[in-house]
Amino acid sequence: MSIRWEVSRRPLIEQQIAHVEKEMEATVKQDEQVFKHFQLVKSVVGVGLITAAAFLIYTQDFTAFDNGRQFACAASAATPG
């Protein structure tokens, strides 16, 4: 594949990404609580749609852990104790 061919495909790829992002947002909006949490996570500087969605999936919409310390330990951001 040539670079020219790759560059010519960029608009199509960007269109596909935009479509997937719209689908993700539509899915999140189906549940009011999930959407509220999604917006909250996205409000953090540097956190976008993909990271916010991944965070909610990983934490099962904040229900996978009993407290923040458990999550921090799972994310290797804290030590148990």
C-alpha atoms as a PDB file:
ATOM      1  CA  MET A   1       0.000   0.000   0.000  1.00  0.00           C
ATOM      2  CA  SER A   2       1.223   3.437  -0.834  1.00  0.00           C
ATOM      3  CA  ILE A   3       1.031   6.519   1.334  1.00  0.00           C
ATOM      4  CA  ARG A   4      -1.119   8.187  -1.320  1.00  0.00           C
ATOM      5  CA  TRP A   5      -3.658   5.354  -1.063  1.00  0.00           C
ATOM      6  CA  GLU A   6      -3.695   5.629   2.730  1.00  0.00           C
ATOM      7  CA  VAL A   7      -4.196   9.399   2.603  1.00  0.00           C
ATOM      8  CA  SER A   8      -7.049   9.016   0.117  1.00  0.00           C
ATOM      9  CA  ARG A   9      -8.850   6.700   2.567  1.00  0.00           C
ATOM     10  CA  ARG A  10      -8.639   9.178   5.444  1.00  0.00           C
ATOM     11  CA  PRO A  11     -12.004  10.884   4.793  1.00  0.00           C
ATOM     12  CA  LEU A  12     -13.747   7.508   4.748  1.00  0.00           C
ATOM     13  CA  ILE A  13     -12.070   6.428   7.965  1.00  0.00           C
ATOM     14  CA  GLU A  14     -12.959   9.725   9.661  1.00  0.00           C
ATOM     15  CA  GLN A  15     -16.568   9.283   8.535  1.00  0.00           C
ATOM     16  CA  GLN A  16     -16.634   5.761   9.970  1.00  0.00           C
ATOM     17  CA  ILE A  17     -15.187   6.976  13.273  1.00  0.00           C
ATOM     18  CA  ALA A  18     -17.824   9.715  13.492  1.00  0.00           C
ATOM     19  CA  HIS A  19     -20.550   7.132  12.849  1.00  0.00           C
ATOM     20  CA  VAL A  20     -19.256   4.820  15.590  1.00  0.00           C
ATOM     21  CA  GLU A  21     -18.995   7.734  18.032  1.00  0.00           C
ATOM     22  CA  LYS A  22     -22.626   8.710  17.323  1.00  0.00           C
ATOM     23  CA  GLU A  23     -23.699   5.109  17.903  1.00  0.00           C
ATOM     24  CA  MET A  24     -21.794   5.034  21.196  1.00  0.00           C
ATOM     25  CA  GLU A  25     -23.443   8.232  22.390  1.00  0.00           C
ATOM     26  CA  ALA A  26     -26.888   6.957  21.358  1.00  0.00           C
ATOM     27  CA  THR A  27     -26.284   3.763  23.319  1.00  0.00           C
ATOM     28  CA  VAL A  28     -25.188   5.660  26.430  1.00  0.00           C
ATOM     29  CA  LYS A  29     -28.242   7.930  26.217  1.00  0.00           C
ATOM     30  CA  GLN A  30     -30.577   4.940  26.476  1.00  0.00           C
ATOM     31  CA  ASP A  31     -30.085   4.860  30.248  1.00  0.00           C
ATOM     32  CA  GLU A  32     -30.461   8.145  32.116  1.00  0.00           C
ATOM     33  CA  GLN A  33     -28.122   7.199  34.973  1.00  0.00           C
ATOM     34  CA  VAL A  34     -25.441   5.851  32.653  1.00  0.00           C
ATOM     35  CA  PHE A  35     -25.686   9.020  30.548  1.00  0.00           C
ATOM     36  CA  LYS A  36     -25.348  11.183  33.680  1.00  0.00           C
ATOM     37  CA  HIS A  37     -22.231   9.281  34.737  1.00  0.00           C
ATOM     38  CA  PHE A  38     -20.894   9.395  31.177  1.00  0.00           C
ATOM     39  CA  GLN A  39     -21.214  13.187  31.121  1.00  0.00           C
ATOM     40  CA  LEU A  40     -19.554  13.406  34.537  1.00  0.00           C
ATOM     41  CA  VAL A  41     -16.576  11.302  33.464  1.00  0.00           C
ATOM     42  CA  LYS A  42     -16.254  13.256  30.189  1.00  0.00           C
ATOM     43  CA  SER A  43     -16.152  16.514  32.155  1.00  0.00           C
ATOM     44  CA  VAL A  44     -12.670  15.601  33.382  1.00  0.00           C
ATOM     45  CA  VAL A  45     -10.070  17.480  31.348  1.00  0.00           C
ATOM     46  CA  GLY A  46      -8.444  15.136  28.845  1.00  0.00           C
ATOM     47  CA  VAL A  47     -11.161  12.475  29.014  1.00  0.00           C
ATOM     48  CA  GLY A  48     -13.026  11.961  25.784  1.00  0.00           C
ATOM     49  CA  LEU A  49     -15.794   9.752  24.531  1.00  0.00           C
ATOM     50  CA  ILE A  50     -13.739   6.558  24.200  1.00  0.00           C
ATOM     51  CA  THR A  51     -12.081   6.860  27.616  1.00  0.00           C
ATOM     52  CA  ALA A  52     -15.367   7.724  29.339  1.00  0.00           C
ATOM     53  CA  ALA A  53     -17.134   4.758  27.737  1.00  0.00           C
ATOM     54  CA  ALA A  54     -14.275   2.423  28.635  1.00  0.00           C
ATOM     55  CA  PHE A  55     -14.305   3.694  32.212  1.00  0.00           C
ATOM     56  CA  LEU A  56     -18.033   3.046  32.582  1.00  0.00           C
ATOM     57  CA  ILE A  57     -17.683  -0.402  31.044  1.00  0.00           C
ATOM     58  CA  TYR A  58     -14.744  -1.293  33.304  1.00  0.00           C
ATOM     59  CA  THR A  59     -16.515  -0.088  36.451  1.00  0.00           C
ATOM     60  CA  GLN A  60     -19.918  -1.425  35.337  1.00  0.00           C
ATOM     61  CA  ASP A  61     -21.294   2.089  35.738  1.00  0.00           C
ATOM     62  CA  PHE A  62     -19.595   2.519  39.120  1.00  0.00           C
ATOM     63  CA  THR A  63     -21.080  -0.691  40.569  1.00  0.00           C
ATOM     64  CA  ALA A  64     -18.094  -3.061  40.209  1.00  0.00           C
ATOM     65  CA  PHE A  65     -16.311  -1.716  43.298  1.00  0.00           C
ATOM     66  CA  ASP A  66     -17.591  -1.040  46.793  1.00  0.00           C
ATOM     67  CA  ASN A  67     -15.514   2.113  47.170  1.00  0.00           C
ATOM     68  CA  GLY A  68     -13.018   4.327  45.412  1.00  0.00           C
ATOM     69  CA  ARG A  69     -10.059   2.680  47.115  1.00  0.00           C
ATOM     70  CA  GLN A  70     -10.951  -0.695  45.582  1.00  0.00           C
ATOM     71  CA  PHE A  71     -11.079   0.907  42.163  1.00  0.00           C
ATOM     72  CA  ALA A  72      -7.779   2.705  42.743  1.00  0.00           C
ATOM     73  CA  CYS A  73      -6.156  -0.600  43.764  1.00  0.00           C
ATOM     74  CA  ALA A  74      -7.543  -2.341  40.676  1.00  0.00           C
ATOM     75  CA  ALA A  75      -6.181   0.493  38.556  1.00  0.00           C
ATOM     76  CA  SER A  76      -2.826   0.209  40.367  1.00  0.00           C
ATOM     77  CA  ALA A  77      -3.201   3.763  41.625  1.00  0.00           C
ATOM     78  CA  ALA A  78      -3.217   2.801  45.302  1.00  0.00           C
ATOM     79  CA  THR A  79      -2.078   0.012  47.553  1.00  0.00           C
ATOM     80  CA  PRO A  80      -4.467  -2.145  49.607  1.00  0.00           C
ATOM     81  CA  GLY A  81      -4.640  -1.241  53.216  1.00  0.00           C
END
